[in-house]
Amino acid sequence: MNQPAQRSAPSSGSLLRTVRAVAWSFLGIRKKSGLQEDMERVSPFHLIVTGIGAAVIFVLGLVALVNWVVAP
């Protein structure tokens, strides 16, 4: 009688979707529905690699900003 809800196969996540998910996580604000959608579509490996890359870019940007501000 009750038919189980059929889920479509998760489509592969794009680079833009992964970068957006990482950017939202850096900000710390996200709707739960958006988070669930990202977790269904984005590979954990891609999230980790993109997150590490974003963290490195963020740190290098801060170092460059500090060097620019304190330059003689």
PDB file of N, CA and C in Angstrom:
ATOM      1  N   MET A   1       0.804  -1.173   0.000  1.00  0.00           N
ATOM      2  CA  MET A   1       0.000   0.000   0.000  1.00  0.00           C
ATOM      3  C   MET A   1       0.865   1.262   0.000  1.00  0.00           C
ATOM      4  N   ASN A   2       1.705   1.361   1.014  1.00  0.00           N
ATOM      5  CA  ASN A   2       2.609   2.509   1.058  1.00  0.00           C
ATOM      6  C   ASN A   2       3.806   2.249   0.180  1.00  0.00           C
ATOM      7  N   GLN A   3       4.001   3.109  -0.772  1.00  0.00           N
ATOM      8  CA  GLN A   3       5.159   2.952  -1.631  1.00  0.00           C
ATOM      9  C   GLN A   3       6.275   3.836  -1.102  1.00  0.00           C
ATOM     10  N   PRO A   4       7.491   3.283  -1.014  1.00  0.00           N
ATOM     11  CA  PRO A   4       8.596   4.104  -0.512  1.00  0.00           C
ATOM     12  C   PRO A   4       8.906   5.231  -1.480  1.00  0.00           C
ATOM     13  N   ALA A   5       9.280   6.345  -0.917  1.00  0.00           N
ATOM     14  CA  ALA A   5       9.631   7.500  -1.751  1.00  0.00           C
ATOM     15  C   ALA A   5      10.864   7.167  -2.560  1.00  0.00           C
ATOM     16  N   GLN A   6      10.769   7.362  -3.848  1.00  0.00           N
ATOM     17  CA  GLN A   6      11.893   7.063  -4.715  1.00  0.00           C
ATOM     18  C   GLN A   6      12.766   8.288  -4.819  1.00  0.00           C
ATOM     19  N   ARG A   7      14.028   8.091  -4.532  1.00  0.00           N
ATOM     20  CA  ARG A   7      14.987   9.188  -4.643  1.00  0.00           C
ATOM     21  C   ARG A   7      15.732   9.031  -5.947  1.00  0.00           C
ATOM     22  N   SER A   8      15.886  10.130  -6.608  1.00  0.00           N
ATOM     23  CA  SER A   8      16.668  10.081  -7.833  1.00  0.00           C
ATOM     24  C   SER A   8      18.135   9.968  -7.463  1.00  0.00           C
ATOM     25  N   ALA A   9      18.906   9.433  -8.368  1.00  0.00           N
ATOM     26  CA  ALA A   9      20.342   9.307  -8.127  1.00  0.00           C
ATOM     27  C   ALA A   9      20.936  10.691  -7.975  1.00  0.00           C
ATOM     28  N   PRO A  10      21.800  10.870  -6.982  1.00  0.00           N
ATOM     29  CA  PRO A  10      22.374  12.204  -6.795  1.00  0.00           C
ATOM     30  C   PRO A  10      23.216  12.606  -7.990  1.00  0.00           C
ATOM     31  N   SER A  11      22.967  13.787  -8.470  1.00  0.00           N
ATOM     32  CA  SER A  11      23.752  14.271  -9.595  1.00  0.00           C
ATOM     33  C   SER A  11      25.103  14.733  -9.084  1.00  0.00           C
ATOM     34  N   SER A  12      26.078  14.650  -9.928  1.00  0.00           N
ATOM     35  CA  SER A  12      27.412  15.051  -9.496  1.00  0.00           C
ATOM     36  C   SER A  12      27.441  16.553  -9.240  1.00  0.00           C
ATOM     37  N   GLY A  13      28.139  16.928  -8.192  1.00  0.00           N
ATOM     38  CA  GLY A  13      28.211  18.337  -7.825  1.00  0.00           C
ATOM     39  C   GLY A  13      29.175  19.080  -8.729  1.00  0.00           C
ATOM     40  N   SER A  14      28.838  20.296  -9.015  1.00  0.00           N
ATOM     41  CA  SER A  14      29.710  21.098  -9.841  1.00  0.00           C
ATOM     42  C   SER A  14      30.716  21.826  -8.961  1.00  0.00           C
ATOM     43  N   LEU A  15      31.720  22.380  -9.573  1.00  0.00           N
ATOM     44  CA  LEU A  15      32.726  23.146  -8.843  1.00  0.00           C
ATOM     45  C   LEU A  15      32.082  24.356  -8.181  1.00  0.00           C
ATOM     46  N   LEU A  16      31.189  25.010  -8.877  1.00  0.00           N
ATOM     47  CA  LEU A  16      30.516  26.184  -8.314  1.00  0.00           C
ATOM     48  C   LEU A  16      29.702  25.808  -7.079  1.00  0.00           C
ATOM     49  N   ARG A  17      28.992  24.694  -7.129  1.00  0.00           N
ATOM     50  CA  ARG A  17      28.201  24.248  -5.983  1.00  0.00           C
ATOM     51  C   ARG A  17      29.110  23.948  -4.798  1.00  0.00           C
ATOM     52  N   THR A  18      30.258  23.323  -5.049  1.00  0.00           N
ATOM     53  CA  THR A  18      31.195  23.004  -3.983  1.00  0.00           C
ATOM     54  C   THR A  18      31.780  24.264  -3.373  1.00  0.00           C
ATOM     55  N   VAL A  19      32.174  25.213  -4.210  1.00  0.00           N
ATOM     56  CA  VAL A  19      32.737  26.470  -3.708  1.00  0.00           C
ATOM     57  C   VAL A  19      31.684  27.230  -2.904  1.00  0.00           C
ATOM     58  N   ARG A  20      30.448  27.221  -3.377  1.00  0.00           N
ATOM     59  CA  ARG A  20      29.370  27.886  -2.642  1.00  0.00           C
ATOM     60  C   ARG A  20      29.146  27.249  -1.274  1.00  0.00           C
ATOM     61  N   ALA A  21      29.180  25.913  -1.223  1.00  0.00           N
ATOM     62  CA  ALA A  21      28.990  25.210   0.049  1.00  0.00           C
ATOM     63  C   ALA A  21      30.114  25.552   1.025  1.00  0.00           C
ATOM     64  N   VAL A  22      31.344  25.614   0.521  1.00  0.00           N
ATOM     65  CA  VAL A  22      32.479  25.958   1.387  1.00  0.00           C
ATOM     66  C   VAL A  22      32.386  27.413   1.838  1.00  0.00           C
ATOM     67  N   ALA A  23      31.995  28.303   0.944  1.00  0.00           N
ATOM     68  CA  ALA A  23      31.867  29.714   1.311  1.00  0.00           C
ATOM     69  C   ALA A  23      30.810  29.893   2.393  1.00  0.00           C
ATOM     70  N   TRP A  24      29.672  29.222   2.269  1.00  0.00           N
ATOM     71  CA  TRP A  24      28.632  29.311   3.299  1.00  0.00           C
ATOM     72  C   TRP A  24      29.151  28.767   4.624  1.00  0.00           C
ATOM     73  N   SER A  25      29.946  27.707   4.572  1.00  0.00           N
ATOM     74  CA  SER A  25      30.458  27.149   5.817  1.00  0.00           C
ATOM     75  C   SER A  25      31.476  28.086   6.462  1.00  0.00           C
ATOM     76  N   PHE A  26      32.244  28.811   5.666  1.00  0.00           N
ATOM     77  CA  PHE A  26      33.172  29.803   6.215  1.00  0.00           C
ATOM     78  C   PHE A  26      32.407  30.915   6.917  1.00  0.00           C
ATOM     79  N   LEU A  27      31.270  31.312   6.355  1.00  0.00           N
ATOM     80  CA  LEU A  27      30.459  32.353   6.973  1.00  0.00           C
ATOM     81  C   LEU A  27      29.699  31.839   8.189  1.00  0.00           C
ATOM     82  N   GLY A  28      29.368  30.570   8.190  1.00  0.00           N
ATOM     83  CA  GLY A  28      28.672  29.974   9.320  1.00  0.00           C
ATOM     84  C   GLY A  28      27.173  30.148   9.303  1.00  0.00           C
ATOM     85  N   ILE A  29      26.625  30.579   8.176  1.00  0.00           N
ATOM     86  CA  ILE A  29      25.175  30.719   8.076  1.00  0.00           C
ATOM     87  C   ILE A  29      24.689  29.902   6.889  1.00  0.00           C
ATOM     88  N   ARG A  30      23.634  29.144   7.108  1.00  0.00           N
ATOM     89  CA  ARG A  30      23.100  28.309   6.037  1.00  0.00           C
ATOM     90  C   ARG A  30      21.739  27.782   6.448  1.00  0.00           C
ATOM     91  N   LYS A  31      20.816  27.741   5.520  1.00  0.00           N
ATOM     92  CA  LYS A  31      19.537  27.110   5.791  1.00  0.00           C
ATOM     93  C   LYS A  31      19.732  25.602   5.828  1.00  0.00           C
ATOM     94  N   LYS A  32      18.972  24.942   6.659  1.00  0.00           N
ATOM     95  CA  LYS A  32      19.112  23.496   6.778  1.00  0.00           C
ATOM     96  C   LYS A  32      18.769  22.801   5.457  1.00  0.00           C
ATOM     97  N   SER A  33      17.794  23.324   4.739  1.00  0.00           N
ATOM     98  CA  SER A  33      17.411  22.711   3.468  1.00  0.00           C
ATOM     99  C   SER A  33      18.561  22.814   2.458  1.00  0.00           C
ATOM    100  N   GLY A  34      19.254  23.953   2.446  1.00  0.00           N
ATOM    101  CA  GLY A  34      20.391  24.117   1.544  1.00  0.00           C
ATOM    102  C   GLY A  34      21.539  23.201   1.912  1.00  0.00           C
ATOM    103  N   LEU A  35      21.759  23.027   3.212  1.00  0.00           N
ATOM    104  CA  LEU A  35      22.808  22.123   3.677  1.00  0.00           C
ATOM    105  C   LEU A  35      22.513  20.687   3.266  1.00  0.00           C
ATOM    106  N   GLN A  36      21.270  20.250   3.444  1.00  0.00           N
ATOM    107  CA  GLN A  36      20.893  18.893   3.067  1.00  0.00           C
ATOM    108  C   GLN A  36      21.057  18.670   1.561  1.00  0.00           C
ATOM    109  N   GLU A  37      20.686  19.671   0.791  1.00  0.00           N
ATOM    110  CA  GLU A  37      20.822  19.553  -0.665  1.00  0.00           C
ATOM    111  C   GLU A  37      22.292  19.441  -1.065  1.00  0.00           C
ATOM    112  N   ASP A  38      23.144  20.243  -0.427  1.00  0.00           N
ATOM    113  CA  ASP A  38      24.569  20.171  -0.730  1.00  0.00           C
ATOM    114  C   ASP A  38      25.151  18.820  -0.348  1.00  0.00           C
ATOM    115  N   MET A  39      24.751  18.283   0.790  1.00  0.00           N
ATOM    116  CA  MET A  39      25.284  17.005   1.240  1.00  0.00           C
ATOM    117  C   MET A  39      24.862  15.865   0.324  1.00  0.00           C
ATOM    118  N   GLU A  40      23.730  16.005  -0.327  1.00  0.00           N
ATOM    119  CA  GLU A  40      23.279  14.982  -1.261  1.00  0.00           C
ATOM    120  C   GLU A  40      24.006  15.067  -2.596  1.00  0.00           C
ATOM    121  N   ARG A  41      24.445  16.249  -2.974  1.00  0.00           N
ATOM    122  CA  ARG A  41      24.980  16.438  -4.323  1.00  0.00           C
ATOM    123  C   ARG A  41      26.488  16.603  -4.413  1.00  0.00           C
ATOM    124  N   VAL A  42      27.138  16.960  -3.314  1.00  0.00           N
ATOM    125  CA  VAL A  42      28.560  17.274  -3.369  1.00  0.00           C
ATOM    126  C   VAL A  42      29.347  16.156  -2.703  1.00  0.00           C
ATOM    127  N   SER A  43      30.443  15.777  -3.322  1.00  0.00           N
ATOM    128  CA  SER A  43      31.305  14.730  -2.796  1.00  0.00           C
ATOM    129  C   SER A  43      32.087  15.238  -1.583  1.00  0.00           C
ATOM    130  N   PRO A  44      32.197  14.430  -0.528  1.00  0.00           N
ATOM    131  CA  PRO A  44      32.973  14.853   0.638  1.00  0.00           C
ATOM    132  C   PRO A  44      34.439  15.138   0.295  1.00  0.00           C
ATOM    133  N   PHE A  45      35.008  14.365  -0.606  1.00  0.00           N
ATOM    134  CA  PHE A  45      36.393  14.594  -1.023  1.00  0.00           C
ATOM    135  C   PHE A  45      36.543  15.979  -1.648  1.00  0.00           C
ATOM    136  N   HIS A  46      35.608  16.350  -2.510  1.00  0.00           N
ATOM    137  CA  HIS A  46      35.660  17.670  -3.146  1.00  0.00           C
ATOM    138  C   HIS A  46      35.495  18.784  -2.117  1.00  0.00           C
ATOM    139  N   LEU A  47      34.640  18.558  -1.112  1.00  0.00           N
ATOM    140  CA  LEU A  47      34.473  19.553  -0.058  1.00  0.00           C
ATOM    141  C   LEU A  47      35.762  19.752   0.732  1.00  0.00           C
ATOM    142  N   ILE A  48      36.431  18.659   1.051  1.00  0.00           N
ATOM    143  CA  ILE A  48      37.670  18.749   1.830  1.00  0.00           C
ATOM    144  C   ILE A  48      38.747  19.473   1.042  1.00  0.00           C
ATOM    145  N   VAL A  49      38.931  19.091  -0.211  1.00  0.00           N
ATOM    146  CA  VAL A  49      39.962  19.714  -1.047  1.00  0.00           C
ATOM    147  C   VAL A  49      39.660  21.200  -1.249  1.00  0.00           C
ATOM    148  N   THR A  50      38.407  21.529  -1.534  1.00  0.00           N
ATOM    149  CA  THR A  50      38.032  22.924  -1.737  1.00  0.00           C
ATOM    150  C   THR A  50      38.157  23.714  -0.440  1.00  0.00           C
ATOM    151  N   GLY A  51      37.797  23.116   0.687  1.00  0.00           N
ATOM    152  CA  GLY A  51      37.923  23.778   1.978  1.00  0.00           C
ATOM    153  C   GLY A  51      39.369  24.079   2.335  1.00  0.00           C
ATOM    154  N   ILE A  52      40.260  23.126   2.096  1.00  0.00           N
ATOM    155  CA  ILE A  52      41.687  23.351   2.369  1.00  0.00           C
ATOM    156  C   ILE A  52      42.224  24.448   1.450  1.00  0.00           C
ATOM    157  N   GLY A  53      41.855  24.391   0.188  1.00  0.00           N
ATOM    158  CA  GLY A  53      42.284  25.427  -0.751  1.00  0.00           C
ATOM    159  C   GLY A  53      41.785  26.807  -0.355  1.00  0.00           C
ATOM    160  N   ALA A  54      40.529  26.892   0.060  1.00  0.00           N
ATOM    161  CA  ALA A  54      39.969  28.175   0.480  1.00  0.00           C
ATOM    162  C   ALA A  54      40.655  28.680   1.742  1.00  0.00           C
ATOM    163  N   ALA A  55      40.980  27.776   2.663  1.00  0.00           N
ATOM    164  CA  ALA A  55      41.672  28.182   3.890  1.00  0.00           C
ATOM    165  C   ALA A  55      43.066  28.720   3.583  1.00  0.00           C
ATOM    166  N   VAL A  56      43.772  28.067   2.662  1.00  0.00           N
ATOM    167  CA  VAL A  56      45.111  28.530   2.275  1.00  0.00           C
ATOM    168  C   VAL A  56      45.025  29.905   1.621  1.00  0.00           C
ATOM    169  N   ILE A  57      44.069  30.090   0.725  1.00  0.00           N
ATOM    170  CA  ILE A  57      43.894  31.388   0.065  1.00  0.00           C
ATOM    171  C   ILE A  57      43.539  32.462   1.090  1.00  0.00           C
ATOM    172  N   PHE A  58      42.692  32.124   2.060  1.00  0.00           N
ATOM    173  CA  PHE A  58      42.307  33.064   3.100  1.00  0.00           C
ATOM    174  C   PHE A  58      43.516  33.489   3.935  1.00  0.00           C
ATOM    175  N   VAL A  59      44.326  32.531   4.356  1.00  0.00           N
ATOM    176  CA  VAL A  59      45.505  32.837   5.174  1.00  0.00           C
ATOM    177  C   VAL A  59      46.508  33.664   4.371  1.00  0.00           C
ATOM    178  N   LEU A  60      46.759  33.292   3.126  1.00  0.00           N
ATOM    179  CA  LEU A  60      47.688  34.060   2.295  1.00  0.00           C
ATOM    180  C   LEU A  60      47.176  35.478   2.067  1.00  0.00           C
ATOM    181  N   GLY A  61      45.873  35.633   1.918  1.00  0.00           N
ATOM    182  CA  GLY A  61      45.288  36.961   1.774  1.00  0.00           C
ATOM    183  C   GLY A  61      45.476  37.805   3.027  1.00  0.00           C
ATOM    184  N   LEU A  62      45.303  37.187   4.195  1.00  0.00           N
ATOM    185  CA  LEU A  62      45.531  37.911   5.443  1.00  0.00           C
ATOM    186  C   LEU A  62      46.992  38.322   5.603  1.00  0.00           C
ATOM    187  N   VAL A  63      47.906  37.423   5.256  1.00  0.00           N
ATOM    188  CA  VAL A  63      49.337  37.742   5.336  1.00  0.00           C
ATOM    189  C   VAL A  63      49.664  38.893   4.396  1.00  0.00           C
ATOM    190  N   ALA A  64      49.153  38.860   3.186  1.00  0.00           N
ATOM    191  CA  ALA A  64      49.396  39.937   2.228  1.00  0.00           C
ATOM    192  C   ALA A  64      48.811  41.258   2.729  1.00  0.00           C
ATOM    193  N   LEU A  65      47.622  41.215   3.317  1.00  0.00           N
ATOM    194  CA  LEU A  65      47.005  42.431   3.852  1.00  0.00           C
ATOM    195  C   LEU A  65      47.824  43.016   4.985  1.00  0.00           C
ATOM    196  N   VAL A  66      48.304  42.179   5.892  1.00  0.00           N
ATOM    197  CA  VAL A  66      49.114  42.654   7.008  1.00  0.00           C
ATOM    198  C   VAL A  66      50.421  43.247   6.498  1.00  0.00           C
ATOM    199  N   ASN A  67      51.059  42.588   5.542  1.00  0.00           N
ATOM    200  CA  ASN A  67      52.308  43.124   4.984  1.00  0.00           C
ATOM    201  C   ASN A  67      52.078  44.452   4.286  1.00  0.00           C
ATOM    202  N   TRP A  68      50.964  44.609   3.649  1.00  0.00           N
ATOM    203  CA  TRP A  68      50.643  45.867   2.967  1.00  0.00           C
ATOM    204  C   TRP A  68      50.387  46.989   3.982  1.00  0.00           C
ATOM    205  N   VAL A  69      49.701  46.654   5.076  1.00  0.00           N
ATOM    206  CA  VAL A  69      49.365  47.659   6.079  1.00  0.00           C
ATOM    207  C   VAL A  69      50.600  48.129   6.845  1.00  0.00           C
ATOM    208  N   VAL A  70      51.500  47.232   7.184  1.00  0.00           N
ATOM    209  CA  VAL A  70      52.662  47.583   8.001  1.00  0.00           C
ATOM    210  C   VAL A  70      53.886  47.935   7.170  1.00  0.00           C
ATOM    211  N   ALA A  71      53.750  47.987   5.865  1.00  0.00           N
ATOM    212  CA  ALA A  71      54.884  48.344   5.002  1.00  0.00           C
ATOM    213  C   ALA A  71      55.325  49.776   5.287  1.00  0.00           C
ATOM    214  N   PRO A  72      56.649  50.013   5.296  1.00  0.00           N
ATOM    215  CA  PRO A  72      57.149  51.363   5.590  1.00  0.00           C
ATOM    216  C   PRO A  72      56.820  52.378   4.523  1.00  0.00           C
TER     217      PRO A  72
END
